[in-house]
PDB file of N, CA and C in Angstrom:
ATOM      1  N   MET A   1      54.036  38.085 -80.982  1.00  0.00           N
ATOM      2  CA  MET A   1      52.934  37.272 -80.530  1.00  0.00           C
ATOM      3  C   MET A   1      52.432  37.853 -79.216  1.00  0.00           C
ATOM      4  N   LEU A   2      51.139  38.019 -79.121  1.00  0.00           N
ATOM      5  CA  LEU A   2      50.499  38.493 -77.898  1.00  0.00           C
ATOM      6  C   LEU A   2      49.661  37.347 -77.342  1.00  0.00           C
ATOM      7  N   LEU A   3      49.841  37.076 -76.024  1.00  0.00           N
ATOM      8  CA  LEU A   3      49.155  35.966 -75.372  1.00  0.00           C
ATOM      9  C   LEU A   3      48.232  36.472 -74.285  1.00  0.00           C
ATOM     10  N   ASP A   4      47.194  35.696 -73.986  1.00  0.00           N
ATOM     11  CA  ASP A   4      46.362  36.027 -72.830  1.00  0.00           C
ATOM     12  C   ASP A   4      46.955  35.348 -71.592  1.00  0.00           C
ATOM     13  N   LEU A   5      46.292  35.448 -70.463  1.00  0.00           N
ATOM     14  CA  LEU A   5      46.819  34.899 -69.213  1.00  0.00           C
ATOM     15  C   LEU A   5      46.823  33.367 -69.181  1.00  0.00           C
ATOM     16  N   GLN A   6      46.139  32.727 -70.105  1.00  0.00           N
ATOM     17  CA  GLN A   6      46.125  31.271 -70.193  1.00  0.00           C
ATOM     18  C   GLN A   6      47.065  30.758 -71.287  1.00  0.00           C
ATOM     19  N   ASP A   7      47.971  31.619 -71.770  1.00  0.00           N
ATOM     20  CA  ASP A   7      48.964  31.275 -72.798  1.00  0.00           C
ATOM     21  C   ASP A   7      48.346  31.052 -74.179  1.00  0.00           C
ATOM     22  N   ARG A   8      47.125  31.524 -74.409  1.00  0.00           N
ATOM     23  CA  ARG A   8      46.506  31.395 -75.729  1.00  0.00           C
ATOM     24  C   ARG A   8      46.878  32.591 -76.588  1.00  0.00           C
ATOM     25  N   VAL A   9      47.113  32.320 -77.863  1.00  0.00           N
ATOM     26  CA  VAL A   9      47.490  33.368 -78.806  1.00  0.00           C
ATOM     27  C   VAL A   9      46.301  34.292 -79.048  1.00  0.00           C
ATOM     28  N   VAL A  10      46.532  35.576 -78.839  1.00  0.00           N
ATOM     29  CA  VAL A  10      45.521  36.603 -79.077  1.00  0.00           C
ATOM     30  C   VAL A  10      45.816  37.320 -80.390  1.00  0.00           C
ATOM     31  N   ARG A  11      47.109  37.473 -80.698  1.00  0.00           N
ATOM     32  CA  ARG A  11      47.493  38.210 -81.899  1.00  0.00           C
ATOM     33  C   ARG A  11      48.879  37.789 -82.339  1.00  0.00           C
ATOM     34  N   ILE A  12      49.069  37.680 -83.653  1.00  0.00           N
ATOM     35  CA  ILE A  12      50.397  37.513 -84.229  1.00  0.00           C
ATOM     36  C   ILE A  12      50.554  38.543 -85.337  1.00  0.00           C
ATOM     37  N   ASN A  13      51.800  38.853 -85.651  1.00  0.00           N
ATOM     38  CA  ASN A  13      52.040  39.794 -86.746  1.00  0.00           C
ATOM     39  C   ASN A  13      52.603  39.054 -87.963  1.00  0.00           C
ATOM     40  N   ARG A  14      52.813  39.779 -89.047  1.00  0.00           N
ATOM     41  CA  ARG A  14      53.296  39.174 -90.292  1.00  0.00           C
ATOM     42  C   ARG A  14      54.656  38.503 -90.120  1.00  0.00           C
ATOM     43  N   GLU A  15      55.513  39.122 -89.313  1.00  0.00           N
ATOM     44  CA  GLU A  15      56.844  38.559 -89.116  1.00  0.00           C
ATOM     45  C   GLU A  15      56.759  37.211 -88.392  1.00  0.00           C
ATOM     46  N   PHE A  16      55.886  37.096 -87.421  1.00  0.00           N
ATOM     47  CA  PHE A  16      55.664  35.808 -86.758  1.00  0.00           C
ATOM     48  C   PHE A  16      55.217  34.775 -87.790  1.00  0.00           C
ATOM     49  N   SER A  17      54.264  35.144 -88.641  1.00  0.00           N
ATOM     50  CA  SER A  17      53.778  34.229 -89.677  1.00  0.00           C
ATOM     51  C   SER A  17      54.904  33.809 -90.614  1.00  0.00           C
ATOM     52  N   ARG A  18      55.739  34.750 -90.997  1.00  0.00           N
ATOM     53  CA  ARG A  18      56.854  34.448 -91.898  1.00  0.00           C
ATOM     54  C   ARG A  18      57.850  33.496 -91.235  1.00  0.00           C
ATOM     55  N   ILE A  19      58.193  33.762 -89.991  1.00  0.00           N
ATOM     56  CA  ILE A  19      59.204  32.967 -89.299  1.00  0.00           C
ATOM     57  C   ILE A  19      58.684  31.584 -88.913  1.00  0.00           C
ATOM     58  N   PHE A  20      57.478  31.526 -88.343  1.00  0.00           N
ATOM     59  CA  PHE A  20      56.980  30.272 -87.798  1.00  0.00           C
ATOM     60  C   PHE A  20      56.067  29.494 -88.747  1.00  0.00           C
ATOM     61  N   GLY A  21      55.534  30.143 -89.774  1.00  0.00           N
ATOM     62  CA  GLY A  21      54.741  29.437 -90.774  1.00  0.00           C
ATOM     63  C   GLY A  21      53.257  29.332 -90.495  1.00  0.00           C
ATOM     64  N   TYR A  22      52.769  30.006 -89.469  1.00  0.00           N
ATOM     65  CA  TYR A  22      51.338  29.960 -89.128  1.00  0.00           C
ATOM     66  C   TYR A  22      50.616  31.189 -89.663  1.00  0.00           C
ATOM     67  N   ARG A  23      49.431  30.970 -90.226  1.00  0.00           N
ATOM     68  CA  ARG A  23      48.533  32.078 -90.561  1.00  0.00           C
ATOM     69  C   ARG A  23      47.823  32.486 -89.272  1.00  0.00           C
ATOM     70  N   PRO A  24      47.323  33.718 -89.194  1.00  0.00           N
ATOM     71  CA  PRO A  24      46.616  34.148 -87.984  1.00  0.00           C
ATOM     72  C   PRO A  24      45.488  33.199 -87.569  1.00  0.00           C
ATOM     73  N   ASP A  25      44.690  32.719 -88.523  1.00  0.00           N
ATOM     74  CA  ASP A  25      43.577  31.838 -88.167  1.00  0.00           C
ATOM     75  C   ASP A  25      44.040  30.484 -87.645  1.00  0.00           C
ATOM     76  N   GLU A  26      45.279  30.081 -87.930  1.00  0.00           N
ATOM     77  CA  GLU A  26      45.819  28.829 -87.406  1.00  0.00           C
ATOM     78  C   GLU A  26      46.356  28.992 -85.982  1.00  0.00           C
ATOM     79  N   ALA A  27      46.739  30.214 -85.618  1.00  0.00           N
ATOM     80  CA  ALA A  27      47.372  30.460 -84.321  1.00  0.00           C
ATOM     81  C   ALA A  27      46.399  30.969 -83.267  1.00  0.00           C
ATOM     82  N   TRP A  28      45.448  31.789 -83.646  1.00  0.00           N
ATOM     83  CA  TRP A  28      44.540  32.420 -82.683  1.00  0.00           C
ATOM     84  C   TRP A  28      43.855  31.395 -81.792  1.00  0.00           C
ATOM     85  N   GLY A  29      43.908  31.650 -80.489  1.00  0.00           N
ATOM     86  CA  GLY A  29      43.231  30.815 -79.520  1.00  0.00           C
ATOM     87  C   GLY A  29      43.977  29.564 -79.104  1.00  0.00           C
ATOM     88  N   ARG A  30      45.090  29.274 -79.760  1.00  0.00           N
ATOM     89  CA  ARG A  30      45.861  28.074 -79.426  1.00  0.00           C
ATOM     90  C   ARG A  30      46.934  28.401 -78.392  1.00  0.00           C
ATOM     91  N   PRO A  31      47.306  27.452 -77.550  1.00  0.00           N
ATOM     92  CA  PRO A  31      48.390  27.683 -76.589  1.00  0.00           C
ATOM     93  C   PRO A  31      49.718  27.876 -77.330  1.00  0.00           C
ATOM     94  N   SER A  32      50.466  28.890 -76.947  1.00  0.00           N
ATOM     95  CA  SER A  32      51.742  29.144 -77.619  1.00  0.00           C
ATOM     96  C   SER A  32      52.698  27.972 -77.443  1.00  0.00           C
ATOM     97  N   MET A  33      52.615  27.313 -76.299  1.00  0.00           N
ATOM     98  CA  MET A  33      53.516  26.176 -76.057  1.00  0.00           C
ATOM     99  C   MET A  33      53.358  25.108 -77.125  1.00  0.00           C
ATOM    100  N   SER A  34      52.126  24.821 -77.515  1.00  0.00           N
ATOM    101  CA  SER A  34      51.901  23.775 -78.516  1.00  0.00           C
ATOM    102  C   SER A  34      52.329  24.213 -79.907  1.00  0.00           C
ATOM    103  N   LEU A  35      52.395  25.516 -80.137  1.00  0.00           N
ATOM    104  CA  LEU A  35      52.767  26.021 -81.460  1.00  0.00           C
ATOM    105  C   LEU A  35      54.276  26.099 -81.666  1.00  0.00           C
ATOM    106  N   ILE A  36      54.989  26.696 -80.717  1.00  0.00           N
ATOM    107  CA  ILE A  36      56.385  27.054 -81.004  1.00  0.00           C
ATOM    108  C   ILE A  36      57.426  26.505 -80.032  1.00  0.00           C
ATOM    109  N   VAL A  37      57.013  25.846 -78.962  1.00  0.00           N
ATOM    110  CA  VAL A  37      57.995  25.367 -77.980  1.00  0.00           C
ATOM    111  C   VAL A  37      58.237  23.872 -78.190  1.00  0.00           C
ATOM    112  N   PRO A  38      59.494  23.486 -78.475  1.00  0.00           N
ATOM    113  CA  PRO A  38      59.800  22.055 -78.587  1.00  0.00           C
ATOM    114  C   PRO A  38      59.480  21.341 -77.274  1.00  0.00           C
ATOM    115  N   GLU A  39      59.045  20.115 -77.377  1.00  0.00           N
ATOM    116  CA  GLU A  39      58.630  19.331 -76.204  1.00  0.00           C
ATOM    117  C   GLU A  39      59.682  19.355 -75.097  1.00  0.00           C
ATOM    118  N   GLU A  40      60.940  19.206 -75.456  1.00  0.00           N
ATOM    119  CA  GLU A  40      61.995  19.122 -74.450  1.00  0.00           C
ATOM    120  C   GLU A  40      62.276  20.451 -73.746  1.00  0.00           C
ATOM    121  N   LEU A  41      61.698  21.553 -74.232  1.00  0.00           N
ATOM    122  CA  LEU A  41      61.902  22.868 -73.611  1.00  0.00           C
ATOM    123  C   LEU A  41      60.636  23.412 -72.944  1.00  0.00           C
ATOM    124  N   ARG A  42      59.624  22.595 -72.796  1.00  0.00           N
ATOM    125  CA  ARG A  42      58.364  23.072 -72.207  1.00  0.00           C
ATOM    126  C   ARG A  42      58.520  23.459 -70.738  1.00  0.00           C
ATOM    127  N   GLN A  43      59.360  22.752 -70.000  1.00  0.00           N
ATOM    128  CA  GLN A  43      59.576  23.103 -68.596  1.00  0.00           C
ATOM    129  C   GLN A  43      60.234  24.482 -68.492  1.00  0.00           C
ATOM    130  N   GLU A  44      61.208  24.747 -69.344  1.00  0.00           N
ATOM    131  CA  GLU A  44      61.846  26.072 -69.389  1.00  0.00           C
ATOM    132  C   GLU A  44      60.819  27.150 -69.725  1.00  0.00           C
ATOM    133  N   ALA A  45      59.973  26.883 -70.710  1.00  0.00           N
ATOM    134  CA  ALA A  45      58.954  27.852 -71.117  1.00  0.00           C
ATOM    135  C   ALA A  45      57.926  28.083 -70.011  1.00  0.00           C
ATOM    136  N   THR A  46      57.588  27.042 -69.277  1.00  0.00           N
ATOM    137  CA  THR A  46      56.659  27.187 -68.154  1.00  0.00           C
ATOM    138  C   THR A  46      57.260  28.106 -67.090  1.00  0.00           C
ATOM    139  N   ALA A  47      58.537  27.934 -66.803  1.00  0.00           N
ATOM    140  CA  ALA A  47      59.220  28.798 -65.828  1.00  0.00           C
ATOM    141  C   ALA A  47      59.224  30.244 -66.317  1.00  0.00           C
ATOM    142  N   THR A  48      59.403  30.446 -67.615  1.00  0.00           N
ATOM    143  CA  THR A  48      59.362  31.795 -68.191  1.00  0.00           C
ATOM    144  C   THR A  48      57.981  32.410 -68.011  1.00  0.00           C
ATOM    145  N   ARG A  49      56.927  31.625 -68.265  1.00  0.00           N
ATOM    146  CA  ARG A  49      55.554  32.127 -68.109  1.00  0.00           C
ATOM    147  C   ARG A  49      55.271  32.502 -66.654  1.00  0.00           C
ATOM    148  N   GLU A  50      55.830  31.717 -65.730  1.00  0.00           N
ATOM    149  CA  GLU A  50      55.648  32.021 -64.310  1.00  0.00           C
ATOM    150  C   GLU A  50      56.329  33.342 -63.934  1.00  0.00           C
ATOM    151  N   ARG A  51      57.497  33.594 -64.485  1.00  0.00           N
ATOM    152  CA  ARG A  51      58.183  34.865 -64.234  1.00  0.00           C
ATOM    153  C   ARG A  51      57.361  36.028 -64.784  1.00  0.00           C
ATOM    154  N   LEU A  52      56.807  35.856 -65.979  1.00  0.00           N
ATOM    155  CA  LEU A  52      55.966  36.900 -66.564  1.00  0.00           C
ATOM    156  C   LEU A  52      54.740  37.162 -65.696  1.00  0.00           C
ATOM    157  N   ALA A  53      54.140  36.104 -65.179  1.00  0.00           N
ATOM    158  CA  ALA A  53      52.950  36.249 -64.327  1.00  0.00           C
ATOM    159  C   ALA A  53      53.265  37.030 -63.057  1.00  0.00           C
ATOM    160  N   ARG A  54      54.510  36.957 -62.594  1.00  0.00           N
ATOM    161  CA  ARG A  54      54.928  37.728 -61.418  1.00  0.00           C
ATOM    162  C   ARG A  54      55.270  39.174 -61.774  1.00  0.00           C
ATOM    163  N   GLY A  55      55.259  39.505 -63.070  1.00  0.00           N
ATOM    164  CA  GLY A  55      55.542  40.865 -63.494  1.00  0.00           C
ATOM    165  C   GLY A  55      56.957  41.093 -63.975  1.00  0.00           C
ATOM    166  N   ASP A  56      57.759  40.026 -64.069  1.00  0.00           N
ATOM    167  CA  ASP A  56      59.140  40.153 -64.537  1.00  0.00           C
ATOM    168  C   ASP A  56      59.198  40.150 -66.059  1.00  0.00           C
ATOM    169  N   SER A  57      60.164  40.852 -66.611  1.00  0.00           N
ATOM    170  CA  SER A  57      60.497  40.732 -68.029  1.00  0.00           C
ATOM    171  C   SER A  57      61.475  39.578 -68.175  1.00  0.00           C
ATOM    172  N   VAL A  58      61.492  38.956 -69.340  1.00  0.00           N
ATOM    173  CA  VAL A  58      62.354  37.796 -69.575  1.00  0.00           C
ATOM    174  C   VAL A  58      63.127  38.009 -70.868  1.00  0.00           C
ATOM    175  N   ASN A  59      64.425  37.720 -70.813  1.00  0.00           N
ATOM    176  CA  ASN A  59      65.287  37.808 -71.988  1.00  0.00           C
ATOM    177  C   ASN A  59      66.186  36.576 -71.956  1.00  0.00           C
ATOM    178  N   LEU A  60      66.055  35.679 -72.948  1.00  0.00           N
ATOM    179  CA  LEU A  60      66.855  34.463 -72.944  1.00  0.00           C
ATOM    180  C   LEU A  60      67.158  33.980 -74.355  1.00  0.00           C
ATOM    181  N   GLU A  61      68.176  33.150 -74.447  1.00  0.00           N
ATOM    182  CA  GLU A  61      68.532  32.462 -75.687  1.00  0.00           C
ATOM    183  C   GLU A  61      67.973  31.050 -75.567  1.00  0.00           C
ATOM    184  N   THR A  62      67.210  30.607 -76.568  1.00  0.00           N
ATOM    185  CA  THR A  62      66.588  29.292 -76.505  1.00  0.00           C
ATOM    186  C   THR A  62      66.309  28.792 -77.918  1.00  0.00           C
ATOM    187  N   MET A  63      65.584  27.721 -78.031  1.00  0.00           N
ATOM    188  CA  MET A  63      65.181  27.160 -79.325  1.00  0.00           C
ATOM    189  C   MET A  63      63.659  27.230 -79.437  1.00  0.00           C
ATOM    190  N   ARG A  64      63.185  27.444 -80.659  1.00  0.00           N
ATOM    191  CA  ARG A  64      61.748  27.421 -80.915  1.00  0.00           C
ATOM    192  C   ARG A  64      61.494  26.579 -82.161  1.00  0.00           C
ATOM    193  N   LYS A  65      60.226  26.217 -82.364  1.00  0.00           N
ATOM    194  CA  LYS A  65      59.821  25.271 -83.393  1.00  0.00           C
ATOM    195  C   LYS A  65      58.892  25.939 -84.400  1.00  0.00           C
ATOM    196  N   ARG A  66      59.139  25.691 -85.663  1.00  0.00           N
ATOM    197  CA  ARG A  66      58.252  26.172 -86.735  1.00  0.00           C
ATOM    198  C   ARG A  66      57.105  25.180 -86.961  1.00  0.00           C
ATOM    199  N   LYS A  67      56.135  25.611 -87.731  1.00  0.00           N
ATOM    200  CA  LYS A  67      54.988  24.768 -88.062  1.00  0.00           C
ATOM    201  C   LYS A  67      55.435  23.448 -88.707  1.00  0.00           C
ATOM    202  N   ASP A  68      56.491  23.503 -89.512  1.00  0.00           N
ATOM    203  CA  ASP A  68      56.973  22.295 -90.187  1.00  0.00           C
ATOM    204  C   ASP A  68      57.780  21.374 -89.271  1.00  0.00           C
ATOM    205  N   GLY A  69      57.941  21.771 -87.982  1.00  0.00           N
ATOM    206  CA  GLY A  69      58.651  20.944 -87.021  1.00  0.00           C
ATOM    207  C   GLY A  69      60.132  21.252 -86.880  1.00  0.00           C
ATOM    208  N   SER A  70      60.687  22.048 -87.786  1.00  0.00           N
ATOM    209  CA  SER A  70      62.102  22.393 -87.681  1.00  0.00           C
ATOM    210  C   SER A  70      62.320  23.355 -86.513  1.00  0.00           C
ATOM    211  N   CYS A  71      63.471  23.218 -85.870  1.00  0.00           N
ATOM    212  CA  CYS A  71      63.811  24.060 -84.725  1.00  0.00           C
ATOM    213  C   CYS A  71      64.945  24.996 -85.091  1.00  0.00           C
ATOM    214  N   PHE A  72      64.987  26.139 -84.423  1.00  0.00           N
ATOM    215  CA  PHE A  72      66.021  27.133 -84.687  1.00  0.00           C
ATOM    216  C   PHE A  72      66.258  27.966 -83.438  1.00  0.00           C
ATOM    217  N   PRO A  73      67.477  28.532 -83.298  1.00  0.00           N
ATOM    218  CA  PRO A  73      67.788  29.342 -82.114  1.00  0.00           C
ATOM    219  C   PRO A  73      67.126  30.715 -82.200  1.00  0.00           C
ATOM    220  N   VAL A  74      66.671  31.213 -81.056  1.00  0.00           N
ATOM    221  CA  VAL A  74      66.057  32.534 -80.984  1.00  0.00           C
ATOM    222  C   VAL A  74      66.558  33.285 -79.755  1.00  0.00           C
ATOM    223  N   SER A  75      66.514  34.586 -79.842  1.00  0.00           N
ATOM    224  CA  SER A  75      66.651  35.455 -78.677  1.00  0.00           C
ATOM    225  C   SER A  75      65.234  35.866 -78.331  1.00  0.00           C
ATOM    226  N   GLU A  76      64.760  35.437 -77.185  1.00  0.00           N
ATOM    227  CA  GLU A  76      63.375  35.700 -76.804  1.00  0.00           C
ATOM    228  C   GLU A  76      63.316  36.804 -75.765  1.00  0.00           C
ATOM    229  N   LEU A  77      62.526  37.804 -76.046  1.00  0.00           N
ATOM    230  CA  LEU A  77      62.269  38.886 -75.110  1.00  0.00           C
ATOM    231  C   LEU A  77      60.769  38.894 -74.855  1.00  0.00           C
ATOM    232  N   ALA A  78      60.390  38.770 -73.599  1.00  0.00           N
ATOM    233  CA  ALA A  78      58.968  38.770 -73.240  1.00  0.00           C
ATOM    234  C   ALA A  78      58.756  39.764 -72.111  1.00  0.00           C
ATOM    235  N   VAL A  79      57.718  40.559 -72.242  1.00  0.00           N
ATOM    236  CA  VAL A  79      57.387  41.549 -71.213  1.00  0.00           C
ATOM    237  C   VAL A  79      55.907  41.443 -70.879  1.00  0.00           C
ATOM    238  N   PRO A  80      55.577  41.544 -69.602  1.00  0.00           N
ATOM    239  CA  PRO A  80      54.163  41.533 -69.229  1.00  0.00           C
ATOM    240  C   PRO A  80      53.514  42.856 -69.604  1.00  0.00           C
ATOM    241  N   ILE A  81      52.271  42.808 -70.011  1.00  0.00           N
ATOM    242  CA  ILE A  81      51.506  44.021 -70.309  1.00  0.00           C
ATOM    243  C   ILE A  81      50.427  44.129 -69.247  1.00  0.00           C
ATOM    244  N   HIS A  82      50.438  45.249 -68.548  1.00  0.00           N
ATOM    245  CA  HIS A  82      49.448  45.468 -67.497  1.00  0.00           C
ATOM    246  C   HIS A  82      48.361  46.392 -68.035  1.00  0.00           C
ATOM    247  N   ARG A  83      47.133  45.992 -67.819  1.00  0.00           N
ATOM    248  CA  ARG A  83      45.997  46.760 -68.315  1.00  0.00           C
ATOM    249  C   ARG A  83      45.004  46.924 -67.187  1.00  0.00           C
ATOM    250  N   ARG A  84      44.595  48.108 -66.991  1.00  0.00           N
ATOM    251  CA  ARG A  84      43.577  48.368 -65.964  1.00  0.00           C
ATOM    252  C   ARG A  84      42.191  48.277 -66.598  1.00  0.00           C
ATOM    253  N   GLY A  85      41.246  47.707 -65.820  1.00  0.00           N
ATOM    254  CA  GLY A  85      39.864  47.660 -66.307  1.00  0.00           C
ATOM    255  C   GLY A  85      39.538  46.536 -67.179  1.00  0.00           C
TER     256      GLY A  85
END
């Protein structure tokens, strides 16, 4: 999943669709928090986004939510992408 600076989904791949149950047209432009982060973990996810905004990479074990509402454990790796221009 690729996000913009406002946490909106810019791109997902087939594996994301398979795991989370969203088609690209259902995910594009939506906040990732509302799609895959369980309500009780939003504060943790916000802290992760803040670390990314500072330029840090993040690697953690957490839970995420599928489109059907079921939750499952994930190893999350997030890296900031810097683009000039």
